[in-house]
Amino acid sequence: MNKLTHKGYTGTIEASIEDSCLHGQILFIEDIITYEGTTVEDIKTSFKDAVDRYLAYCKETGKLANKPYSGTFNVRVGQELHRKAVEVACHRGITLNDFVAQSIQTAIDQNGIVKVEHTHHHNITIADNQTSSSVIATVEQPLAWGTYNAVN
């Protein structure tokens, strides 16, 4: 999807073949605000004007403008993952909120690509039939299982 941004607001660009025009809507707010144009430059200008008119209208009327993002959201992760996240946060000496925020930031910083590594343990038992003793050795070797692309 093609997107536009202005003053923290995001809008779409869609084509209407039947009407021979471009149109869009400001995303992630409760109010419905649309705009249109006939060229890419027209739609960009129309979007910016729509955001500016919306903010001016809210200021004139005393209405609070919808903020594109509040910074707060609820996530359902299941009891076990919730418990593990709290334990990791506690171990790091931070709050669960800080742990989640840091985890999201890390995923964003990595462009949504998460490398998964696994340490594989081998217990090798060597039996010496002559002395009836055994030796146990552990070999640790990280194995990269691959990457997971979290960005579509």
N, C-alpha and C. Protein backbone atom coordinates (compact mmCIF):
# COMPACT_ATOMS: atom_id res chain seq x y z
N MET A 1 0.85 -1.17 0.00
CA MET A 1 0.00 0.00 0.00
C MET A 1 0.90 1.24 0.00
N ASN A 2 0.58 2.18 -0.86
CA ASN A 2 1.31 3.45 -0.88
C ASN A 2 0.83 4.33 0.26
N LYS A 3 1.77 4.97 0.95
CA LYS A 3 1.43 5.78 2.12
C LYS A 3 2.07 7.15 2.02
N LEU A 4 1.42 8.11 2.64
CA LEU A 4 1.93 9.47 2.76
C LEU A 4 2.06 9.79 4.24
N THR A 5 2.99 10.67 4.61
CA THR A 5 3.09 11.10 6.00
C THR A 5 3.24 12.62 6.06
N HIS A 6 2.62 13.20 7.10
CA HIS A 6 2.70 14.64 7.33
C HIS A 6 2.30 14.91 8.77
N LYS A 7 3.17 15.60 9.51
CA LYS A 7 2.91 15.98 10.91
C LYS A 7 2.51 14.79 11.78
N GLY A 8 3.11 13.63 11.52
CA GLY A 8 2.83 12.45 12.32
C GLY A 8 1.62 11.65 11.86
N TYR A 9 0.92 12.12 10.85
CA TYR A 9 -0.25 11.42 10.33
C TYR A 9 0.14 10.63 9.09
N THR A 10 -0.54 9.50 8.87
CA THR A 10 -0.29 8.64 7.73
C THR A 10 -1.56 8.56 6.90
N GLY A 11 -1.39 8.62 5.58
CA GLY A 11 -2.54 8.51 4.68
C GLY A 11 -2.26 7.54 3.55
N THR A 12 -3.32 7.06 2.93
CA THR A 12 -3.21 6.11 1.84
C THR A 12 -3.28 6.82 0.49
N ILE A 13 -2.85 6.12 -0.55
CA ILE A 13 -3.07 6.56 -1.93
C ILE A 13 -3.65 5.36 -2.66
N GLU A 14 -4.83 5.54 -3.24
CA GLU A 14 -5.46 4.50 -4.02
C GLU A 14 -5.92 5.11 -5.34
N ALA A 15 -5.97 4.29 -6.36
CA ALA A 15 -6.40 4.75 -7.68
C ALA A 15 -7.82 4.29 -7.96
N SER A 16 -8.61 5.19 -8.53
CA SER A 16 -9.95 4.83 -9.00
C SER A 16 -9.91 4.89 -10.52
N ILE A 17 -9.90 3.73 -11.15
CA ILE A 17 -9.86 3.65 -12.60
C ILE A 17 -11.12 4.27 -13.19
N GLU A 18 -12.27 3.96 -12.59
CA GLU A 18 -13.55 4.47 -13.09
C GLU A 18 -13.62 5.99 -13.10
N ASP A 19 -13.08 6.62 -12.05
CA ASP A 19 -13.15 8.08 -11.93
C ASP A 19 -11.90 8.78 -12.42
N SER A 20 -10.90 8.02 -12.82
CA SER A 20 -9.61 8.58 -13.27
C SER A 20 -9.02 9.55 -12.24
N CYS A 21 -9.01 9.10 -10.99
CA CYS A 21 -8.43 9.96 -9.95
C CYS A 21 -7.74 9.11 -8.90
N LEU A 22 -6.97 9.79 -8.08
CA LEU A 22 -6.33 9.19 -6.91
C LEU A 22 -7.09 9.67 -5.69
N HIS A 23 -7.21 8.82 -4.69
CA HIS A 23 -7.90 9.22 -3.46
C HIS A 23 -7.25 8.51 -2.28
N GLY A 24 -7.52 9.00 -1.09
CA GLY A 24 -6.96 8.37 0.10
C GLY A 24 -7.68 8.78 1.35
N GLN A 25 -7.24 8.23 2.46
CA GLN A 25 -7.83 8.49 3.77
C GLN A 25 -6.72 8.52 4.80
N ILE A 26 -6.87 9.39 5.79
CA ILE A 26 -5.92 9.43 6.90
C ILE A 26 -6.17 8.20 7.77
N LEU A 27 -5.10 7.48 8.06
CA LEU A 27 -5.18 6.23 8.82
C LEU A 27 -4.98 6.44 10.32
N PHE A 28 -5.42 5.48 11.06
CA PHE A 28 -5.11 5.34 12.49
C PHE A 28 -5.71 6.43 13.37
N ILE A 29 -6.79 7.06 12.91
CA ILE A 29 -7.51 8.01 13.75
C ILE A 29 -8.99 7.65 13.69
N GLU A 30 -9.77 8.12 14.66
CA GLU A 30 -11.20 7.80 14.70
C GLU A 30 -11.99 8.60 13.68
N ASP A 31 -11.59 9.85 13.42
CA ASP A 31 -12.29 10.68 12.45
C ASP A 31 -12.03 10.17 11.03
N ILE A 32 -12.99 10.37 10.15
CA ILE A 32 -12.83 9.96 8.76
C ILE A 32 -12.50 11.20 7.94
N ILE A 33 -11.28 11.20 7.40
CA ILE A 33 -10.81 12.33 6.60
C ILE A 33 -10.26 11.78 5.30
N THR A 34 -10.84 12.23 4.19
CA THR A 34 -10.43 11.76 2.87
C THR A 34 -9.91 12.93 2.05
N TYR A 35 -9.26 12.61 0.94
CA TYR A 35 -8.69 13.61 0.05
C TYR A 35 -8.55 12.97 -1.32
N GLU A 36 -8.36 13.79 -2.34
CA GLU A 36 -8.19 13.24 -3.68
C GLU A 36 -7.36 14.16 -4.56
N GLY A 37 -6.94 13.65 -5.71
CA GLY A 37 -6.17 14.41 -6.68
C GLY A 37 -6.10 13.65 -7.98
N THR A 38 -5.61 14.31 -9.02
CA THR A 38 -5.52 13.64 -10.32
C THR A 38 -4.10 13.20 -10.66
N THR A 39 -3.11 13.75 -9.95
CA THR A 39 -1.72 13.35 -10.16
C THR A 39 -1.10 13.01 -8.81
N VAL A 40 0.08 12.44 -8.85
CA VAL A 40 0.78 12.12 -7.60
C VAL A 40 1.04 13.40 -6.81
N GLU A 41 1.48 14.45 -7.48
CA GLU A 41 1.73 15.71 -6.77
C GLU A 41 0.44 16.28 -6.19
N ASP A 42 -0.68 16.16 -6.93
CA ASP A 42 -1.98 16.63 -6.43
C ASP A 42 -2.39 15.88 -5.16
N ILE A 43 -2.22 14.56 -5.16
CA ILE A 43 -2.64 13.77 -4.00
C ILE A 43 -1.77 14.08 -2.79
N LYS A 44 -0.48 14.30 -3.02
CA LYS A 44 0.41 14.67 -1.91
C LYS A 44 -0.03 16.00 -1.30
N THR A 45 -0.29 16.98 -2.15
CA THR A 45 -0.72 18.30 -1.68
C THR A 45 -2.07 18.20 -0.98
N SER A 46 -3.00 17.44 -1.57
CA SER A 46 -4.33 17.28 -1.01
C SER A 46 -4.26 16.62 0.37
N PHE A 47 -3.39 15.63 0.53
CA PHE A 47 -3.21 14.96 1.82
C PHE A 47 -2.71 15.95 2.87
N LYS A 48 -1.65 16.70 2.54
CA LYS A 48 -1.10 17.67 3.49
C LYS A 48 -2.14 18.72 3.86
N ASP A 49 -2.89 19.19 2.87
CA ASP A 49 -3.95 20.17 3.14
C ASP A 49 -5.03 19.58 4.04
N ALA A 50 -5.37 18.32 3.83
CA ALA A 50 -6.39 17.66 4.66
C ALA A 50 -5.93 17.57 6.11
N VAL A 51 -4.68 17.21 6.33
CA VAL A 51 -4.14 17.15 7.69
C VAL A 51 -4.15 18.54 8.32
N ASP A 52 -3.67 19.53 7.58
CA ASP A 52 -3.61 20.90 8.11
C ASP A 52 -5.02 21.44 8.40
N ARG A 53 -5.98 21.19 7.50
CA ARG A 53 -7.36 21.65 7.73
C ARG A 53 -7.96 20.95 8.95
N TYR A 54 -7.69 19.67 9.10
CA TYR A 54 -8.19 18.91 10.25
C TYR A 54 -7.65 19.50 11.55
N LEU A 55 -6.36 19.75 11.60
CA LEU A 55 -5.76 20.30 12.82
C LEU A 55 -6.27 21.71 13.09
N ALA A 56 -6.45 22.52 12.04
CA ALA A 56 -6.98 23.88 12.21
C ALA A 56 -8.42 23.83 12.71
N TYR A 57 -9.23 22.94 12.15
CA TYR A 57 -10.62 22.78 12.58
C TYR A 57 -10.68 22.41 14.06
N CYS A 58 -9.85 21.47 14.46
CA CYS A 58 -9.85 21.04 15.85
C CYS A 58 -9.45 22.18 16.77
N LYS A 59 -8.48 22.96 16.35
CA LYS A 59 -8.03 24.10 17.17
C LYS A 59 -9.13 25.15 17.28
N GLU A 60 -9.80 25.46 16.18
CA GLU A 60 -10.87 26.47 16.17
C GLU A 60 -12.06 26.06 17.02
N THR A 61 -12.41 24.78 16.99
CA THR A 61 -13.60 24.31 17.69
C THR A 61 -13.32 23.82 19.10
N GLY A 62 -12.06 23.72 19.47
CA GLY A 62 -11.71 23.21 20.79
C GLY A 62 -11.76 21.70 20.88
N LYS A 63 -11.98 21.05 19.76
CA LYS A 63 -12.02 19.58 19.71
C LYS A 63 -10.58 19.06 19.78
N LEU A 64 -10.38 18.00 20.53
CA LEU A 64 -9.06 17.38 20.57
C LEU A 64 -8.84 16.59 19.29
N ALA A 65 -7.76 16.89 18.61
CA ALA A 65 -7.43 16.14 17.39
C ALA A 65 -7.03 14.73 17.78
N ASN A 66 -7.51 13.76 17.00
CA ASN A 66 -7.08 12.39 17.24
C ASN A 66 -5.58 12.31 16.99
N LYS A 67 -4.90 11.72 17.91
CA LYS A 67 -3.46 11.50 17.73
C LYS A 67 -3.31 10.21 16.94
N PRO A 68 -2.39 10.20 15.97
CA PRO A 68 -2.23 8.97 15.19
C PRO A 68 -1.87 7.76 16.05
N TYR A 69 -1.07 7.95 17.08
CA TYR A 69 -0.69 6.85 17.97
C TYR A 69 -0.62 7.39 19.39
N SER A 70 -1.20 6.66 20.31
CA SER A 70 -1.21 7.12 21.69
C SER A 70 0.05 6.70 22.44
N GLY A 71 0.74 5.68 21.92
CA GLY A 71 1.89 5.15 22.64
C GLY A 71 1.50 4.04 23.60
N THR A 72 0.22 3.71 23.62
CA THR A 72 -0.28 2.67 24.49
C THR A 72 -1.08 1.67 23.67
N PHE A 73 -0.85 0.37 23.91
CA PHE A 73 -1.65 -0.65 23.26
C PHE A 73 -1.63 -1.91 24.10
N ASN A 74 -2.66 -2.72 23.95
CA ASN A 74 -2.76 -3.99 24.67
C ASN A 74 -2.36 -5.11 23.74
N VAL A 75 -1.62 -6.06 24.27
CA VAL A 75 -1.19 -7.21 23.49
C VAL A 75 -1.53 -8.47 24.26
N ARG A 76 -2.14 -9.42 23.60
CA ARG A 76 -2.43 -10.71 24.23
C ARG A 76 -1.36 -11.70 23.79
N VAL A 77 -0.64 -12.24 24.75
CA VAL A 77 0.47 -13.14 24.42
C VAL A 77 0.34 -14.52 25.04
N GLY A 78 -0.65 -14.72 25.85
CA GLY A 78 -0.80 -16.01 26.54
C GLY A 78 -0.06 -16.00 27.87
N GLN A 79 -0.52 -16.83 28.79
CA GLN A 79 0.01 -16.83 30.15
C GLN A 79 1.48 -17.21 30.23
N GLU A 80 1.88 -18.22 29.48
CA GLU A 80 3.27 -18.71 29.57
C GLU A 80 4.26 -17.67 29.06
N LEU A 81 3.98 -17.07 27.90
CA LEU A 81 4.86 -16.04 27.36
C LEU A 81 4.88 -14.82 28.28
N HIS A 82 3.73 -14.47 28.84
CA HIS A 82 3.65 -13.36 29.79
C HIS A 82 4.55 -13.62 30.99
N ARG A 83 4.45 -14.83 31.53
CA ARG A 83 5.28 -15.19 32.70
C ARG A 83 6.76 -15.11 32.35
N LYS A 84 7.15 -15.66 31.21
CA LYS A 84 8.55 -15.65 30.81
C LYS A 84 9.05 -14.21 30.59
N ALA A 85 8.22 -13.37 30.01
CA ALA A 85 8.62 -11.97 29.78
C ALA A 85 8.83 -11.25 31.11
N VAL A 86 7.95 -11.49 32.07
CA VAL A 86 8.11 -10.88 33.40
C VAL A 86 9.40 -11.36 34.06
N GLU A 87 9.70 -12.66 33.93
CA GLU A 87 10.93 -13.20 34.52
C GLU A 87 12.18 -12.58 33.89
N VAL A 88 12.18 -12.45 32.57
CA VAL A 88 13.34 -11.85 31.89
C VAL A 88 13.48 -10.38 32.30
N ALA A 89 12.38 -9.66 32.34
CA ALA A 89 12.42 -8.26 32.74
C ALA A 89 12.95 -8.12 34.16
N CYS A 90 12.48 -8.97 35.06
CA CYS A 90 12.94 -8.95 36.45
C CYS A 90 14.43 -9.24 36.53
N HIS A 91 14.86 -10.25 35.77
CA HIS A 91 16.28 -10.62 35.74
C HIS A 91 17.14 -9.44 35.25
N ARG A 92 16.62 -8.68 34.31
CA ARG A 92 17.35 -7.52 33.78
C ARG A 92 17.20 -6.27 34.66
N GLY A 93 16.32 -6.35 35.65
CA GLY A 93 16.13 -5.21 36.55
C GLY A 93 15.33 -4.08 35.92
N ILE A 94 14.42 -4.43 35.00
CA ILE A 94 13.59 -3.43 34.34
C ILE A 94 12.13 -3.84 34.46
N THR A 95 11.24 -2.92 34.10
CA THR A 95 9.82 -3.23 34.14
C THR A 95 9.44 -4.04 32.91
N LEU A 96 8.30 -4.71 32.99
CA LEU A 96 7.78 -5.44 31.84
C LEU A 96 7.55 -4.48 30.67
N ASN A 97 7.03 -3.31 30.95
CA ASN A 97 6.80 -2.31 29.91
C ASN A 97 8.10 -1.94 29.20
N ASP A 98 9.17 -1.71 29.98
CA ASP A 98 10.46 -1.38 29.37
C ASP A 98 11.00 -2.55 28.55
N PHE A 99 10.82 -3.78 29.05
CA PHE A 99 11.26 -4.96 28.32
C PHE A 99 10.56 -5.06 26.97
N VAL A 100 9.24 -4.88 26.96
CA VAL A 100 8.47 -4.96 25.72
C VAL A 100 8.90 -3.85 24.76
N ALA A 101 9.04 -2.63 25.27
CA ALA A 101 9.46 -1.51 24.43
C ALA A 101 10.85 -1.75 23.83
N GLN A 102 11.77 -2.26 24.65
CA GLN A 102 13.12 -2.56 24.15
C GLN A 102 13.09 -3.67 23.11
N SER A 103 12.25 -4.67 23.33
CA SER A 103 12.15 -5.79 22.39
C SER A 103 11.60 -5.32 21.04
N ILE A 104 10.60 -4.47 21.07
CA ILE A 104 10.05 -3.93 19.83
C ILE A 104 11.10 -3.08 19.13
N GLN A 105 11.80 -2.22 19.89
CA GLN A 105 12.83 -1.38 19.29
C GLN A 105 13.93 -2.22 18.65
N THR A 106 14.32 -3.29 19.31
CA THR A 106 15.35 -4.18 18.76
C THR A 106 14.88 -4.78 17.44
N ALA A 107 13.63 -5.23 17.38
CA ALA A 107 13.09 -5.80 16.14
C ALA A 107 13.06 -4.75 15.03
N ILE A 108 12.70 -3.53 15.36
CA ILE A 108 12.67 -2.44 14.37
C ILE A 108 14.08 -2.12 13.91
N ASP A 109 15.01 -2.03 14.84
CA ASP A 109 16.41 -1.72 14.49
C ASP A 109 17.00 -2.78 13.57
N GLN A 110 16.53 -4.00 13.69
CA GLN A 110 17.03 -5.09 12.85
C GLN A 110 16.23 -5.23 11.57
N ASN A 111 15.43 -4.20 11.25
CA ASN A 111 14.59 -4.22 10.04
C ASN A 111 13.64 -5.39 10.02
N GLY A 112 13.23 -5.84 11.18
CA GLY A 112 12.28 -6.93 11.24
C GLY A 112 12.88 -8.29 10.99
N ILE A 113 14.19 -8.37 10.82
CA ILE A 113 14.84 -9.66 10.59
C ILE A 113 15.43 -10.14 11.90
N VAL A 114 14.97 -11.26 12.34
CA VAL A 114 15.41 -11.83 13.61
C VAL A 114 16.22 -13.07 13.31
N LYS A 115 17.46 -13.09 13.79
CA LYS A 115 18.31 -14.26 13.59
C LYS A 115 18.09 -15.20 14.76
N VAL A 116 17.81 -16.44 14.46
CA VAL A 116 17.57 -17.44 15.50
C VAL A 116 18.81 -18.30 15.61
N GLU A 117 19.36 -18.38 16.81
CA GLU A 117 20.50 -19.27 17.05
C GLU A 117 20.12 -20.27 18.11
N HIS A 118 20.71 -21.41 18.00
CA HIS A 118 20.42 -22.48 18.94
C HIS A 118 21.75 -23.10 19.36
N THR A 119 21.95 -23.22 20.67
CA THR A 119 23.15 -23.92 21.15
C THR A 119 22.77 -25.37 21.33
N HIS A 120 23.50 -26.20 20.63
CA HIS A 120 23.21 -27.63 20.62
C HIS A 120 24.24 -28.33 21.52
N HIS A 121 23.76 -29.12 22.45
CA HIS A 121 24.64 -29.83 23.38
C HIS A 121 24.70 -31.31 23.00
N HIS A 122 25.90 -31.84 22.97
CA HIS A 122 26.09 -33.27 22.76
C HIS A 122 26.78 -33.83 24.00
N ASN A 123 26.20 -34.82 24.59
CA ASN A 123 26.85 -35.54 25.67
C ASN A 123 27.42 -36.81 25.07
N ILE A 124 28.71 -36.93 25.13
CA ILE A 124 29.40 -38.08 24.54
C ILE A 124 29.98 -38.91 25.68
N THR A 125 29.61 -40.16 25.72
CA THR A 125 30.13 -41.05 26.75
C THR A 125 31.13 -41.99 26.10
N ILE A 126 32.31 -42.00 26.65
CA ILE A 126 33.36 -42.90 26.14
C ILE A 126 33.62 -43.93 27.24
N ALA A 127 33.38 -45.16 26.93
CA ALA A 127 33.56 -46.22 27.92
C ALA A 127 34.88 -46.93 27.64
N ASP A 128 35.64 -47.08 28.68
CA ASP A 128 36.90 -47.82 28.58
C ASP A 128 36.66 -49.18 29.23
N ASN A 129 36.50 -50.19 28.40
CA ASN A 129 36.17 -51.53 28.91
C ASN A 129 37.25 -52.10 29.82
N GLN A 130 38.46 -51.65 29.68
CA GLN A 130 39.53 -52.22 30.48
C GLN A 130 39.53 -51.67 31.90
N THR A 131 39.14 -50.36 32.06
CA THR A 131 39.18 -49.80 33.42
C THR A 131 37.78 -49.60 33.99
N SER A 132 36.77 -49.89 33.19
CA SER A 132 35.37 -49.72 33.56
C SER A 132 35.06 -48.31 34.08
N SER A 133 35.69 -47.31 33.43
CA SER A 133 35.36 -45.92 33.78
C SER A 133 34.82 -45.25 32.52
N SER A 134 34.14 -44.15 32.71
CA SER A 134 33.62 -43.42 31.56
C SER A 134 33.96 -41.94 31.69
N VAL A 135 34.06 -41.29 30.56
CA VAL A 135 34.36 -39.86 30.50
C VAL A 135 33.20 -39.22 29.75
N ILE A 136 32.70 -38.13 30.27
CA ILE A 136 31.61 -37.41 29.60
C ILE A 136 32.15 -36.07 29.14
N ALA A 137 31.97 -35.79 27.88
CA ALA A 137 32.40 -34.52 27.31
C ALA A 137 31.19 -33.81 26.72
N THR A 138 31.13 -32.48 26.84
CA THR A 138 30.05 -31.70 26.26
C THR A 138 30.62 -30.76 25.22
N VAL A 139 30.02 -30.78 24.07
CA VAL A 139 30.45 -29.91 22.98
C VAL A 139 29.31 -28.92 22.73
N GLU A 140 29.64 -27.61 22.78
CA GLU A 140 28.63 -26.59 22.50
C GLU A 140 29.00 -25.90 21.19
N GLN A 141 28.04 -25.86 20.29
CA GLN A 141 28.28 -25.19 19.02
C GLN A 141 27.00 -24.50 18.59
N PRO A 142 27.04 -23.14 18.46
CA PRO A 142 25.83 -22.46 17.98
C PRO A 142 25.55 -22.84 16.53
N LEU A 143 24.32 -23.17 16.27
CA LEU A 143 23.91 -23.50 14.92
C LEU A 143 22.88 -22.47 14.47
N ALA A 144 23.14 -21.77 13.40
CA ALA A 144 22.17 -20.82 12.88
C ALA A 144 21.09 -21.59 12.14
N TRP A 145 19.88 -21.50 12.62
CA TRP A 145 18.77 -22.20 11.98
C TRP A 145 18.22 -21.40 10.81
N GLY A 146 18.59 -20.15 10.70
CA GLY A 146 18.07 -19.33 9.62
C GLY A 146 17.57 -18.01 10.14
N THR A 147 16.92 -17.28 9.29
CA THR A 147 16.38 -15.98 9.69
C THR A 147 14.89 -15.97 9.46
N TYR A 148 14.25 -15.10 10.19
CA TYR A 148 12.82 -14.93 10.06
C TYR A 148 12.57 -13.48 9.71
N ASN A 149 11.93 -13.22 8.60
CA ASN A 149 11.66 -11.86 8.17
C ASN A 149 10.29 -11.46 8.67
N ALA A 150 10.26 -10.54 9.66
CA ALA A 150 9.00 -10.13 10.27
C ALA A 150 8.34 -9.00 9.51
N VAL A 151 8.99 -8.46 8.52
CA VAL A 151 8.42 -7.35 7.74
C VAL A 151 7.88 -7.90 6.44
N ASN A 152 6.62 -7.58 6.14
CA ASN A 152 6.03 -8.06 4.87
C ASN A 152 6.42 -7.17 3.73
